[in-house]
């Protein structure tokens, strides 16, 4: 195949993916049709099957495009950060930014993760695992550095973060409220660090303070007996 036909195929594939993305945002996977996607892509339905095996294959390709772009944006910026607090603030703000930049995609991902199709073992599940590894690494490194509690359950903490973010985004969007990624990231990271952070052991009493306290108790007892 020459370079020109390859370019044309790449362009046509991108057009189909763009059309499919619009349809899958507007409708649940089960309700979307290949016929509607073909119409939006300005081609016959049979053309779709030249590029994708079926609707599920096309949907998975849309998801892969979304996550590949997101992860490619996160990786270099994440690598430049050091310290649990900075990484937490960055990852939380970047996650919230998805809902700001593309609320349709944000809603689609949440809807499909909670939908009727089996989630575990799906393409979406595999892509999510790639995405959340940045948070898992942040928490794990925080434990190793002594910045987070040694007994922290990493999977539970990770799910706590993303579950809380999903609930908050859904609430704000549902009420027509504005999402402020930077401010919300500072506040949530602060809460997480306080809850997940290494607890300082209780300060031991100095020997002199212990002696003085015992003398005071004895003095009180002697006075009580003298009455």
N, C-alpha and C. Protein backbone atom coordinates (compact mmCIF):
# COMPACT_ATOMS: atom_id res chain seq x y z
N UNK A 1 0.85 -1.20 0.00
CA UNK A 1 0.00 0.00 0.00
C UNK A 1 0.89 1.25 0.00
N UNK A 2 0.58 2.19 -0.89
CA UNK A 2 1.38 3.42 -0.98
C UNK A 2 1.05 4.35 0.18
N UNK A 3 1.86 5.41 0.30
CA UNK A 3 1.68 6.34 1.42
C UNK A 3 0.34 7.05 1.34
N UNK A 4 -0.11 7.42 0.12
CA UNK A 4 -1.36 8.17 -0.01
C UNK A 4 -2.58 7.37 0.45
N UNK A 5 -2.77 6.12 -0.04
CA UNK A 5 -3.89 5.34 0.48
C UNK A 5 -3.82 5.12 1.99
N UNK A 6 -2.60 4.95 2.53
CA UNK A 6 -2.48 4.78 3.98
C UNK A 6 -2.94 6.02 4.72
N UNK A 7 -2.57 7.19 4.17
CA UNK A 7 -3.01 8.44 4.80
C UNK A 7 -4.52 8.57 4.72
N UNK A 8 -5.08 8.21 3.57
CA UNK A 8 -6.53 8.29 3.41
C UNK A 8 -7.24 7.37 4.40
N UNK A 9 -6.69 6.18 4.58
CA UNK A 9 -7.30 5.24 5.54
C UNK A 9 -7.20 5.80 6.95
N UNK A 10 -6.07 6.40 7.28
CA UNK A 10 -5.90 6.97 8.62
C UNK A 10 -6.88 8.11 8.84
N UNK A 11 -7.08 8.94 7.80
CA UNK A 11 -8.03 10.06 7.91
C UNK A 11 -9.44 9.53 8.06
N UNK A 12 -9.80 8.54 7.24
CA UNK A 12 -11.16 7.97 7.32
C UNK A 12 -11.39 7.32 8.68
N UNK A 13 -10.39 6.63 9.21
CA UNK A 13 -10.53 6.00 10.52
C UNK A 13 -10.75 7.06 11.59
N UNK A 14 -9.99 8.15 11.51
CA UNK A 14 -10.15 9.24 12.48
C UNK A 14 -11.53 9.86 12.39
N UNK A 15 -12.06 9.99 11.17
CA UNK A 15 -13.41 10.55 10.99
C UNK A 15 -14.46 9.63 11.61
N UNK A 16 -14.29 8.34 11.42
CA UNK A 16 -15.23 7.38 12.01
C UNK A 16 -15.16 7.43 13.54
N UNK A 17 -13.94 7.50 14.07
CA UNK A 17 -13.79 7.58 15.52
C UNK A 17 -14.42 8.85 16.08
N UNK A 18 -14.26 9.96 15.36
CA UNK A 18 -14.88 11.21 15.80
C UNK A 18 -16.39 11.12 15.81
N UNK A 19 -16.96 10.51 14.77
CA UNK A 19 -18.41 10.35 14.70
C UNK A 19 -18.90 9.41 15.80
N UNK A 20 -18.16 8.31 16.01
CA UNK A 20 -18.54 7.35 17.04
C UNK A 20 -18.48 7.99 18.42
N UNK A 21 -17.48 8.79 18.65
CA UNK A 21 -17.35 9.49 19.93
C UNK A 21 -18.58 10.33 20.21
N UNK A 22 -19.06 11.08 19.22
CA UNK A 22 -20.26 11.91 19.39
C UNK A 22 -21.48 11.06 19.73
N UNK A 23 -21.63 9.95 19.03
CA UNK A 23 -22.79 9.08 19.25
C UNK A 23 -22.72 8.43 20.63
N UNK A 24 -21.55 7.93 21.01
CA UNK A 24 -21.43 7.26 22.31
C UNK A 24 -21.56 8.24 23.48
N UNK A 25 -21.23 9.50 23.25
CA UNK A 25 -21.47 10.51 24.28
C UNK A 25 -22.96 10.76 24.43
N UNK A 26 -23.66 10.80 23.31
CA UNK A 26 -25.09 11.12 23.32
C UNK A 26 -25.94 9.95 23.80
N UNK A 27 -25.48 8.72 23.57
CA UNK A 27 -26.30 7.55 23.89
C UNK A 27 -25.49 6.49 24.62
N UNK A 28 -26.17 5.69 25.41
CA UNK A 28 -25.54 4.54 26.03
C UNK A 28 -25.06 3.60 24.93
N UNK A 29 -24.08 2.77 25.26
CA UNK A 29 -23.55 1.84 24.27
C UNK A 29 -24.66 0.99 23.66
N UNK A 30 -25.56 0.49 24.50
CA UNK A 30 -26.62 -0.39 24.02
C UNK A 30 -27.57 0.32 23.06
N UNK A 31 -27.73 1.62 23.23
CA UNK A 31 -28.68 2.38 22.41
C UNK A 31 -28.05 2.98 21.15
N UNK A 32 -26.74 3.00 21.08
CA UNK A 32 -26.06 3.55 19.90
C UNK A 32 -26.12 2.55 18.76
N UNK A 33 -26.20 3.05 17.54
CA UNK A 33 -26.27 2.15 16.38
C UNK A 33 -25.15 2.46 15.40
N UNK A 34 -24.70 1.42 14.73
CA UNK A 34 -23.67 1.60 13.71
C UNK A 34 -24.21 2.44 12.56
N UNK A 35 -25.51 2.34 12.29
CA UNK A 35 -26.11 3.12 11.21
C UNK A 35 -25.99 4.61 11.49
N UNK A 36 -26.25 5.01 12.74
CA UNK A 36 -26.14 6.43 13.09
C UNK A 36 -24.69 6.90 13.02
N UNK A 37 -23.78 6.05 13.46
CA UNK A 37 -22.36 6.42 13.39
C UNK A 37 -21.93 6.60 11.94
N UNK A 38 -22.37 5.69 11.07
CA UNK A 38 -22.03 5.80 9.65
C UNK A 38 -22.59 7.09 9.05
N UNK A 39 -23.82 7.42 9.42
CA UNK A 39 -24.43 8.65 8.90
C UNK A 39 -23.64 9.88 9.33
N UNK A 40 -23.20 9.90 10.59
CA UNK A 40 -22.41 11.04 11.08
C UNK A 40 -21.04 11.11 10.40
N UNK A 41 -20.51 9.94 10.07
CA UNK A 41 -19.21 9.89 9.40
C UNK A 41 -19.33 10.06 7.90
N UNK A 42 -20.57 10.19 7.42
CA UNK A 42 -20.84 10.38 5.99
C UNK A 42 -20.28 9.23 5.15
N UNK A 43 -20.63 8.01 5.60
CA UNK A 43 -20.23 6.82 4.84
C UNK A 43 -21.32 5.77 4.99
N UNK A 44 -21.23 4.70 4.22
CA UNK A 44 -22.20 3.62 4.36
C UNK A 44 -21.80 2.77 5.56
N UNK A 45 -22.78 2.07 6.12
CA UNK A 45 -22.51 1.29 7.33
C UNK A 45 -21.43 0.24 7.11
N UNK A 46 -21.41 -0.34 5.91
CA UNK A 46 -20.41 -1.38 5.63
C UNK A 46 -18.99 -0.89 5.75
N UNK A 47 -18.78 0.41 5.50
CA UNK A 47 -17.42 0.96 5.60
C UNK A 47 -16.87 0.83 7.02
N UNK A 48 -17.75 0.94 8.01
CA UNK A 48 -17.29 0.85 9.40
C UNK A 48 -16.61 -0.49 9.67
N UNK A 49 -17.15 -1.55 9.04
CA UNK A 49 -16.62 -2.89 9.29
C UNK A 49 -15.31 -3.14 8.56
N UNK A 50 -14.91 -2.21 7.70
CA UNK A 50 -13.59 -2.28 7.09
C UNK A 50 -12.51 -1.93 8.12
N UNK A 51 -12.91 -1.12 9.10
CA UNK A 51 -11.96 -0.62 10.10
C UNK A 51 -12.15 -1.26 11.47
N UNK A 52 -13.37 -1.68 11.78
CA UNK A 52 -13.67 -2.22 13.11
C UNK A 52 -14.55 -3.46 12.98
N UNK A 53 -14.28 -4.45 13.83
CA UNK A 53 -14.99 -5.73 13.73
C UNK A 53 -16.47 -5.58 14.02
N UNK A 54 -16.80 -4.78 15.02
CA UNK A 54 -18.19 -4.63 15.44
C UNK A 54 -18.31 -3.36 16.29
N UNK A 55 -19.48 -3.13 16.83
CA UNK A 55 -19.70 -1.91 17.62
C UNK A 55 -18.83 -1.89 18.87
N UNK A 56 -18.65 -3.02 19.52
CA UNK A 56 -17.82 -3.07 20.72
C UNK A 56 -16.37 -2.73 20.38
N UNK A 57 -15.88 -3.24 19.27
CA UNK A 57 -14.52 -2.94 18.85
C UNK A 57 -14.36 -1.44 18.58
N UNK A 58 -15.37 -0.84 17.98
CA UNK A 58 -15.34 0.60 17.70
C UNK A 58 -15.38 1.40 19.00
N UNK A 59 -16.24 0.99 19.92
CA UNK A 59 -16.34 1.67 21.21
C UNK A 59 -15.01 1.59 21.96
N UNK A 60 -14.39 0.41 21.95
CA UNK A 60 -13.10 0.24 22.62
C UNK A 60 -12.03 1.12 22.00
N UNK A 61 -12.10 1.31 20.68
CA UNK A 61 -11.13 2.18 20.01
C UNK A 61 -11.32 3.64 20.42
N UNK A 62 -12.57 4.06 20.60
CA UNK A 62 -12.84 5.41 21.09
C UNK A 62 -12.26 5.58 22.50
N UNK A 63 -12.50 4.60 23.37
CA UNK A 63 -11.96 4.66 24.73
C UNK A 63 -10.44 4.72 24.73
N UNK A 64 -9.82 3.91 23.88
CA UNK A 64 -8.36 3.87 23.81
C UNK A 64 -7.80 5.22 23.39
N UNK A 65 -8.44 5.86 22.42
CA UNK A 65 -8.01 7.20 21.99
C UNK A 65 -8.07 8.19 23.15
N UNK A 66 -9.16 8.14 23.91
CA UNK A 66 -9.35 9.07 25.04
C UNK A 66 -8.25 8.86 26.08
N UNK A 67 -8.03 7.61 26.47
CA UNK A 67 -7.06 7.32 27.53
C UNK A 67 -5.62 7.52 27.07
N UNK A 68 -5.33 7.17 25.81
CA UNK A 68 -3.97 7.38 25.31
C UNK A 68 -3.58 8.86 25.37
N UNK A 69 -4.51 9.72 24.97
CA UNK A 69 -4.24 11.17 25.00
C UNK A 69 -4.08 11.66 26.44
N UNK A 70 -4.93 11.16 27.33
CA UNK A 70 -4.89 11.58 28.73
C UNK A 70 -3.58 11.15 29.39
N UNK A 71 -3.21 9.90 29.19
CA UNK A 71 -1.99 9.37 29.81
C UNK A 71 -0.75 10.03 29.24
N UNK A 72 -0.76 10.29 27.93
CA UNK A 72 0.38 10.98 27.30
C UNK A 72 0.55 12.39 27.87
N UNK A 73 -0.54 13.03 28.25
CA UNK A 73 -0.46 14.36 28.86
C UNK A 73 0.04 14.29 30.30
N UNK A 74 -0.35 13.25 31.02
CA UNK A 74 -0.02 13.14 32.44
C UNK A 74 1.43 12.71 32.66
N UNK A 75 1.90 11.73 31.88
CA UNK A 75 3.19 11.08 32.16
C UNK A 75 4.36 12.05 32.36
N UNK A 76 4.65 12.95 31.42
CA UNK A 76 5.82 13.82 31.61
C UNK A 76 5.66 14.80 32.77
N UNK A 77 4.45 15.26 33.00
CA UNK A 77 4.22 16.22 34.08
C UNK A 77 4.32 15.51 35.43
N UNK A 78 3.80 14.30 35.51
CA UNK A 78 3.89 13.52 36.73
C UNK A 78 5.35 13.22 37.07
N UNK A 79 6.13 12.87 36.04
CA UNK A 79 7.54 12.52 36.26
C UNK A 79 8.36 13.70 36.78
N UNK A 80 7.90 14.91 36.50
CA UNK A 80 8.65 16.10 36.93
C UNK A 80 8.35 16.48 38.38
N UNK A 81 7.37 15.84 38.99
CA UNK A 81 6.97 16.18 40.35
C UNK A 81 7.58 15.22 41.35
N UNK A 82 7.91 15.74 42.51
CA UNK A 82 8.43 14.90 43.58
C UNK A 82 7.73 15.31 44.87
N UNK A 83 7.33 14.33 45.63
CA UNK A 83 6.61 14.63 46.87
C UNK A 83 5.15 14.27 46.75
N UNK A 84 4.62 13.69 47.79
CA UNK A 84 3.25 13.20 47.76
C UNK A 84 2.24 14.32 47.60
N UNK A 85 2.44 15.42 48.30
CA UNK A 85 1.47 16.52 48.25
C UNK A 85 1.35 17.09 46.84
N UNK A 86 2.48 17.36 46.19
CA UNK A 86 2.45 17.92 44.83
C UNK A 86 1.82 16.96 43.85
N UNK A 87 2.15 15.69 43.96
CA UNK A 87 1.58 14.70 43.04
C UNK A 87 0.07 14.55 43.25
N UNK A 88 -0.34 14.52 44.49
CA UNK A 88 -1.78 14.42 44.77
C UNK A 88 -2.53 15.60 44.18
N UNK A 89 -2.04 16.79 44.43
CA UNK A 89 -2.71 17.99 43.91
C UNK A 89 -2.78 17.96 42.39
N UNK A 90 -1.68 17.56 41.75
CA UNK A 90 -1.67 17.51 40.28
C UNK A 90 -2.67 16.48 39.75
N UNK A 91 -2.64 15.26 40.29
CA UNK A 91 -3.50 14.20 39.77
C UNK A 91 -4.98 14.51 40.00
N UNK A 92 -5.30 15.07 41.15
CA UNK A 92 -6.70 15.41 41.43
C UNK A 92 -7.16 16.52 40.50
N UNK A 93 -6.34 17.56 40.34
CA UNK A 93 -6.71 18.67 39.46
C UNK A 93 -6.85 18.20 38.02
N UNK A 94 -5.94 17.33 37.57
CA UNK A 94 -6.00 16.84 36.18
C UNK A 94 -7.24 15.99 35.96
N UNK A 95 -7.61 15.20 36.94
CA UNK A 95 -8.82 14.38 36.83
C UNK A 95 -10.06 15.27 36.74
N UNK A 96 -10.11 16.29 37.57
CA UNK A 96 -11.25 17.21 37.54
C UNK A 96 -11.30 17.99 36.23
N UNK A 97 -10.13 18.25 35.65
CA UNK A 97 -10.07 19.02 34.40
C UNK A 97 -10.77 18.30 33.25
N UNK A 98 -10.84 16.97 33.32
CA UNK A 98 -11.56 16.21 32.28
C UNK A 98 -13.01 16.66 32.21
N UNK A 99 -13.63 16.81 33.38
CA UNK A 99 -15.04 17.22 33.43
C UNK A 99 -15.22 18.65 32.96
N UNK A 100 -14.19 19.48 33.13
CA UNK A 100 -14.25 20.88 32.68
C UNK A 100 -14.08 20.95 31.17
N UNK A 101 -13.06 20.26 30.65
CA UNK A 101 -12.73 20.33 29.23
C UNK A 101 -13.72 19.57 28.36
N UNK A 102 -14.17 18.42 28.85
CA UNK A 102 -15.04 17.56 28.04
C UNK A 102 -16.04 16.85 28.94
N UNK A 103 -17.07 17.56 29.41
CA UNK A 103 -18.04 16.93 30.31
C UNK A 103 -18.75 15.74 29.69
N UNK A 104 -18.90 15.76 28.36
CA UNK A 104 -19.55 14.63 27.69
C UNK A 104 -18.76 13.35 27.85
N UNK A 105 -17.45 13.43 27.67
CA UNK A 105 -16.59 12.26 27.84
C UNK A 105 -16.60 11.82 29.30
N UNK A 106 -16.52 12.77 30.21
CA UNK A 106 -16.54 12.45 31.64
C UNK A 106 -17.81 11.69 32.00
N UNK A 107 -18.95 12.17 31.50
CA UNK A 107 -20.23 11.52 31.77
C UNK A 107 -20.28 10.14 31.13
N UNK A 108 -19.76 10.02 29.91
CA UNK A 108 -19.78 8.74 29.21
C UNK A 108 -18.97 7.68 29.96
N UNK A 109 -17.78 8.05 30.42
CA UNK A 109 -16.93 7.10 31.13
C UNK A 109 -17.59 6.63 32.42
N UNK A 110 -18.15 7.56 33.17
CA UNK A 110 -18.83 7.19 34.40
C UNK A 110 -20.04 6.32 34.14
N UNK A 111 -20.80 6.67 33.12
CA UNK A 111 -22.01 5.92 32.77
C UNK A 111 -21.68 4.49 32.36
N UNK A 112 -20.66 4.33 31.54
CA UNK A 112 -20.33 2.99 31.06
C UNK A 112 -19.71 2.14 32.16
N UNK A 113 -18.96 2.76 33.07
CA UNK A 113 -18.37 2.00 34.18
C UNK A 113 -19.46 1.46 35.10
N UNK A 114 -20.57 2.20 35.19
CA UNK A 114 -21.67 1.77 36.07
C UNK A 114 -22.78 1.06 35.30
N UNK A 115 -22.61 0.87 33.99
CA UNK A 115 -23.69 0.38 33.13
C UNK A 115 -23.92 -1.11 33.23
N UNK A 116 -24.77 -1.58 32.31
CA UNK A 116 -25.18 -2.98 32.34
C UNK A 116 -24.11 -3.94 31.84
N UNK A 117 -23.18 -3.47 31.00
CA UNK A 117 -22.13 -4.34 30.50
C UNK A 117 -21.15 -4.70 31.62
N UNK A 118 -20.66 -5.93 31.64
CA UNK A 118 -19.67 -6.29 32.67
C UNK A 118 -18.46 -5.35 32.60
N UNK A 119 -18.13 -4.75 33.73
CA UNK A 119 -17.01 -3.79 33.75
C UNK A 119 -15.68 -4.50 33.94
N UNK A 120 -15.58 -5.39 34.92
CA UNK A 120 -14.32 -6.06 35.19
C UNK A 120 -13.96 -6.99 34.04
N UNK A 121 -12.75 -6.82 33.55
CA UNK A 121 -12.31 -7.59 32.40
C UNK A 121 -12.57 -6.91 31.07
N UNK A 122 -13.27 -5.77 31.10
CA UNK A 122 -13.57 -5.04 29.87
C UNK A 122 -12.38 -4.17 29.46
N UNK A 123 -12.45 -3.62 28.26
CA UNK A 123 -11.42 -2.70 27.79
C UNK A 123 -11.37 -1.47 28.68
N UNK A 124 -12.53 -0.97 29.09
CA UNK A 124 -12.58 0.21 29.96
C UNK A 124 -11.88 -0.08 31.28
N UNK A 125 -12.08 -1.26 31.82
CA UNK A 125 -11.42 -1.64 33.07
C UNK A 125 -9.90 -1.65 32.89
N UNK A 126 -9.43 -2.23 31.79
CA UNK A 126 -7.99 -2.28 31.53
C UNK A 126 -7.40 -0.89 31.37
N UNK A 127 -8.11 -0.01 30.67
CA UNK A 127 -7.63 1.36 30.47
C UNK A 127 -7.62 2.13 31.79
N UNK A 128 -8.64 1.92 32.59
CA UNK A 128 -8.69 2.59 33.90
C UNK A 128 -7.52 2.16 34.78
N UNK A 129 -7.15 0.89 34.69
CA UNK A 129 -6.02 0.41 35.48
C UNK A 129 -4.73 1.13 35.07
N UNK A 130 -4.57 1.37 33.77
CA UNK A 130 -3.40 2.14 33.31
C UNK A 130 -3.44 3.56 33.87
N UNK A 131 -4.62 4.13 33.89
CA UNK A 131 -4.78 5.52 34.31
C UNK A 131 -4.54 5.69 35.81
N UNK A 132 -5.13 4.82 36.61
CA UNK A 132 -5.05 5.01 38.07
C UNK A 132 -3.70 4.60 38.65
N UNK A 133 -2.83 3.99 37.81
CA UNK A 133 -1.53 3.59 38.36
C UNK A 133 -0.71 4.79 38.83
N UNK A 134 -1.00 5.99 38.28
CA UNK A 134 -0.30 7.18 38.76
C UNK A 134 -0.66 7.47 40.22
N UNK A 135 -1.93 7.32 40.55
CA UNK A 135 -2.37 7.54 41.93
C UNK A 135 -1.83 6.45 42.84
N UNK A 136 -1.89 5.20 42.37
CA UNK A 136 -1.38 4.10 43.18
C UNK A 136 0.11 4.29 43.48
N UNK A 137 0.87 4.72 42.46
CA UNK A 137 2.31 4.95 42.65
C UNK A 137 2.55 6.10 43.63
N UNK A 138 1.73 7.14 43.54
CA UNK A 138 1.86 8.28 44.45
C UNK A 138 1.67 7.84 45.90
N UNK A 139 0.64 7.05 46.13
CA UNK A 139 0.35 6.58 47.49
C UNK A 139 1.44 5.63 47.98
N UNK A 140 1.87 4.72 47.10
CA UNK A 140 2.91 3.76 47.48
C UNK A 140 4.23 4.47 47.81
N UNK A 141 4.60 5.44 46.97
CA UNK A 141 5.83 6.20 47.23
C UNK A 141 5.70 7.01 48.52
N UNK A 142 4.50 7.52 48.78
CA UNK A 142 4.27 8.28 50.01
C UNK A 142 4.48 7.43 51.24
N UNK A 143 4.05 6.17 51.17
CA UNK A 143 4.28 5.25 52.29
C UNK A 143 5.78 4.98 52.43
N UNK A 144 6.45 4.73 51.31
CA UNK A 144 7.90 4.42 51.35
C UNK A 144 8.70 5.58 51.93
N UNK A 145 8.27 6.81 51.63
CA UNK A 145 8.99 7.99 52.14
C UNK A 145 8.67 8.30 53.59
N UNK A 146 7.66 7.63 54.13
CA UNK A 146 7.24 7.94 55.48
C UNK A 146 6.28 9.12 55.56
N UNK A 147 5.78 9.58 54.39
CA UNK A 147 4.84 10.70 54.37
C UNK A 147 3.40 10.24 54.61
N UNK A 148 3.16 8.97 54.34
CA UNK A 148 1.84 8.39 54.57
C UNK A 148 1.97 7.20 55.50
N UNK A 149 0.88 6.85 56.13
CA UNK A 149 0.88 5.78 57.12
C UNK A 149 1.39 4.46 56.54
N UNK A 150 2.16 3.75 57.32
CA UNK A 150 2.72 2.48 56.86
C UNK A 150 1.65 1.42 56.64
N UNK A 151 0.53 1.53 57.37
CA UNK A 151 -0.53 0.53 57.26
C UNK A 151 -1.62 0.93 56.26
N UNK A 152 -1.34 1.93 55.41
CA UNK A 152 -2.35 2.41 54.46
C UNK A 152 -2.69 1.33 53.45
N UNK A 153 -3.98 1.05 53.28
CA UNK A 153 -4.46 0.12 52.25
C UNK A 153 -4.49 0.90 50.93
N UNK A 154 -3.54 0.62 50.04
CA UNK A 154 -3.37 1.42 48.83
C UNK A 154 -4.59 1.36 47.91
N UNK A 155 -5.13 0.17 47.72
CA UNK A 155 -6.29 0.03 46.83
C UNK A 155 -7.50 0.77 47.39
N UNK A 156 -7.71 0.64 48.70
CA UNK A 156 -8.84 1.33 49.32
C UNK A 156 -8.66 2.85 49.24
N UNK A 157 -7.45 3.32 49.50
CA UNK A 157 -7.18 4.76 49.44
C UNK A 157 -7.37 5.29 48.03
N UNK A 158 -6.88 4.55 47.03
CA UNK A 158 -7.05 4.96 45.63
C UNK A 158 -8.52 5.05 45.26
N UNK A 159 -9.29 4.02 45.64
CA UNK A 159 -10.72 4.02 45.32
C UNK A 159 -11.46 5.13 46.06
N UNK A 160 -11.00 5.43 47.27
CA UNK A 160 -11.58 6.52 48.04
C UNK A 160 -11.41 7.85 47.31
N UNK A 161 -10.23 8.06 46.74
CA UNK A 161 -9.96 9.30 46.01
C UNK A 161 -10.86 9.41 44.78
N UNK A 162 -10.83 8.40 43.92
CA UNK A 162 -11.57 8.50 42.66
C UNK A 162 -13.08 8.40 42.88
N UNK A 163 -13.50 7.62 43.86
CA UNK A 163 -14.93 7.56 44.17
C UNK A 163 -15.44 8.89 44.68
N UNK A 164 -14.64 9.53 45.54
CA UNK A 164 -15.03 10.85 46.05
C UNK A 164 -15.08 11.89 44.95
N UNK A 165 -14.12 11.84 44.03
CA UNK A 165 -14.10 12.79 42.92
C UNK A 165 -15.30 12.59 42.01
N UNK A 166 -15.60 11.33 41.71
CA UNK A 166 -16.75 11.06 40.83
C UNK A 166 -18.05 11.58 41.44
N UNK A 167 -18.22 11.32 42.72
CA UNK A 167 -19.43 11.78 43.41
C UNK A 167 -19.51 13.30 43.39
N UNK A 168 -18.38 13.96 43.66
CA UNK A 168 -18.38 15.43 43.71
C UNK A 168 -18.66 16.03 42.34
N UNK A 169 -18.05 15.50 41.30
CA UNK A 169 -18.27 16.01 39.94
C UNK A 169 -19.72 15.83 39.53
N UNK A 170 -20.27 14.66 39.80
CA UNK A 170 -21.67 14.40 39.43
C UNK A 170 -22.60 15.36 40.15
N UNK A 171 -22.31 15.63 41.41
CA UNK A 171 -23.14 16.55 42.18
C UNK A 171 -23.06 17.97 41.62
N UNK A 172 -21.85 18.44 41.34
CA UNK A 172 -21.68 19.81 40.84
C UNK A 172 -22.30 19.98 39.45
N UNK A 173 -22.05 19.03 38.56
CA UNK A 173 -22.61 19.13 37.21
C UNK A 173 -24.13 19.04 37.25
N UNK A 174 -24.64 18.17 38.11
CA UNK A 174 -26.09 18.01 38.22
C UNK A 174 -26.78 19.26 38.71
N UNK A 175 -26.09 20.06 39.51
CA UNK A 175 -26.67 21.30 40.03
C UNK A 175 -26.23 22.52 39.24
N UNK A 176 -25.53 22.28 38.13
CA UNK A 176 -25.10 23.40 37.29
C UNK A 176 -24.05 24.28 37.95
N UNK A 177 -23.28 23.71 38.86
CA UNK A 177 -22.23 24.47 39.56
C UNK A 177 -20.91 24.36 38.81
N UNK A 178 -20.05 25.34 39.02
CA UNK A 178 -18.75 25.37 38.35
C UNK A 178 -17.74 24.51 39.08
N UNK A 179 -16.94 23.78 38.32
CA UNK A 179 -15.86 22.97 38.88
C UNK A 179 -14.57 23.80 38.84
N UNK A 180 -13.89 23.89 39.97
CA UNK A 180 -12.63 24.63 40.07
C UNK A 180 -11.51 23.65 40.41
N UNK A 181 -10.87 23.07 39.40
CA UNK A 181 -9.89 22.01 39.65
C UNK A 181 -8.78 22.37 40.63
N UNK A 182 -8.14 23.53 40.47
CA UNK A 182 -7.00 23.87 41.33
C UNK A 182 -7.42 24.01 42.79
N UNK A 183 -8.49 24.74 43.03
CA UNK A 183 -8.95 24.95 44.42
C UNK A 183 -9.40 23.63 45.03
N UNK A 184 -10.19 22.87 44.30
CA UNK A 184 -10.70 21.61 44.82
C UNK A 184 -9.57 20.63 45.08
N UNK A 185 -8.54 20.65 44.21
CA UNK A 185 -7.40 19.75 44.39
C UNK A 185 -6.63 20.09 45.66
N UNK A 186 -6.45 21.39 45.93
CA UNK A 186 -5.76 21.79 47.17
C UNK A 186 -6.52 21.31 48.39
N UNK A 187 -7.84 21.52 48.37
CA UNK A 187 -8.65 21.16 49.53
C UNK A 187 -8.69 19.65 49.74
N UNK A 188 -8.89 18.91 48.64
CA UNK A 188 -9.00 17.46 48.79
C UNK A 188 -7.66 16.84 49.15
N UNK A 189 -6.59 17.33 48.55
CA UNK A 189 -5.26 16.81 48.90
C UNK A 189 -4.96 17.06 50.37
N UNK A 190 -5.36 18.23 50.87
CA UNK A 190 -5.16 18.53 52.28
C UNK A 190 -5.90 17.56 53.18
N UNK A 191 -7.14 17.26 52.83
CA UNK A 191 -7.93 16.30 53.61
C UNK A 191 -7.30 14.91 53.56
N UNK A 192 -6.86 14.50 52.37
CA UNK A 192 -6.27 13.18 52.22
C UNK A 192 -4.97 13.06 53.01
N UNK A 193 -4.14 14.08 52.94
CA UNK A 193 -2.86 14.03 53.66
C UNK A 193 -3.08 13.99 55.16
N UNK A 194 -4.12 14.68 55.60
CA UNK A 194 -4.41 14.66 57.04
C UNK A 194 -4.92 13.29 57.47
N UNK A 195 -5.75 12.67 56.61
CA UNK A 195 -6.31 11.37 56.95
C UNK A 195 -5.35 10.21 56.72
N UNK A 196 -4.59 10.30 55.61
CA UNK A 196 -3.68 9.21 55.26
C UNK A 196 -2.28 9.41 55.83
N UNK A 197 -2.00 10.61 56.33
CA UNK A 197 -0.64 10.96 56.73
C UNK A 197 -0.12 10.17 57.91
N UNK A 198 1.19 10.17 58.02
CA UNK A 198 1.87 9.48 59.12
C UNK A 198 1.51 10.15 60.43
N UNK A 199 1.03 9.38 61.37
CA UNK A 199 0.66 9.94 62.67
C UNK A 199 1.90 10.02 63.56
N UNK A 200 2.12 11.19 64.12
CA UNK A 200 3.26 11.36 65.04
C UNK A 200 2.97 10.63 66.34
N UNK A 201 3.94 9.90 66.88
CA UNK A 201 3.71 9.22 68.16
C UNK A 201 3.50 10.25 69.26
N UNK A 202 2.72 9.93 70.28
CA UNK A 202 2.51 10.88 71.37
C UNK A 202 3.84 11.23 72.03
N UNK A 203 4.01 12.51 72.29
CA UNK A 203 5.27 12.97 72.89
C UNK A 203 5.44 12.37 74.28
N UNK A 204 6.61 11.82 74.52
CA UNK A 204 6.88 11.22 75.83
C UNK A 204 7.15 12.33 76.85
N UNK A 205 6.67 12.11 78.05
CA UNK A 205 6.91 13.11 79.09
C UNK A 205 8.39 13.10 79.48
N UNK A 206 8.91 14.25 79.70
CA UNK A 206 10.30 14.35 80.15
C UNK A 206 10.38 13.78 81.57
N UNK A 207 11.53 13.17 81.95
CA UNK A 207 11.67 12.59 83.30
C UNK A 207 11.35 13.59 84.40
N UNK A 208 11.82 14.84 84.29
CA UNK A 208 11.58 15.83 85.33
C UNK A 208 10.09 16.12 85.46
N UNK A 209 9.39 16.18 84.33
CA UNK A 209 7.94 16.45 84.38
C UNK A 209 7.22 15.30 85.06
N UNK A 210 7.67 14.06 84.81
CA UNK A 210 7.03 12.91 85.47
C UNK A 210 7.26 12.96 86.98
N UNK A 211 8.48 13.31 87.39
CA UNK A 211 8.79 13.39 88.83
C UNK A 211 7.94 14.48 89.49
N UNK A 212 7.86 15.64 88.84
CA UNK A 212 7.08 16.74 89.40
C UNK A 212 5.61 16.35 89.53
N UNK A 213 5.10 15.63 88.54
CA UNK A 213 3.70 15.22 88.60
C UNK A 213 3.47 14.25 89.76
N UNK A 214 4.40 13.31 89.96
CA UNK A 214 4.27 12.35 91.06
C UNK A 214 4.36 13.06 92.42
N UNK A 215 5.28 14.01 92.54
CA UNK A 215 5.41 14.76 93.79
C UNK A 215 4.13 15.54 94.09
N UNK A 216 3.54 16.12 93.05
CA UNK A 216 2.31 16.88 93.25
C UNK A 216 1.20 15.97 93.73
N UNK A 217 1.12 14.74 93.15
CA UNK A 217 0.08 13.81 93.60
C UNK A 217 0.31 13.40 95.06
N UNK A 218 1.59 13.11 95.41
CA UNK A 218 1.89 12.72 96.78
C UNK A 218 1.57 13.85 97.76
N UNK A 219 1.91 15.08 97.37
CA UNK A 219 1.63 16.23 98.22
C UNK A 219 0.13 16.36 98.44
N UNK A 220 -0.63 16.13 97.40
CA UNK A 220 -2.08 16.22 97.53
C UNK A 220 -2.62 15.15 98.46
N UNK A 221 -2.06 13.93 98.36
CA UNK A 221 -2.51 12.84 99.22
C UNK A 221 -2.17 13.12 100.69
N UNK A 222 -0.96 13.64 100.94
CA UNK A 222 -0.55 13.95 102.31
C UNK A 222 -1.44 15.03 102.92
N UNK A 223 -1.77 16.03 102.15
CA UNK A 223 -2.64 17.09 102.65
C UNK A 223 -4.02 16.54 102.98
N UNK A 224 -4.47 15.63 102.13
CA UNK A 224 -5.80 15.06 102.37
C UNK A 224 -5.81 14.25 103.66
N UNK A 225 -4.72 13.53 103.95
CA UNK A 225 -4.66 12.71 105.15
C UNK A 225 -4.54 13.58 106.41
N UNK A 226 -3.89 14.74 106.26
CA UNK A 226 -3.68 15.61 107.42
C UNK A 226 -4.95 16.30 107.86
N UNK A 227 -5.97 16.32 107.03
CA UNK A 227 -7.21 17.02 107.39
C UNK A 227 -8.02 16.21 108.39
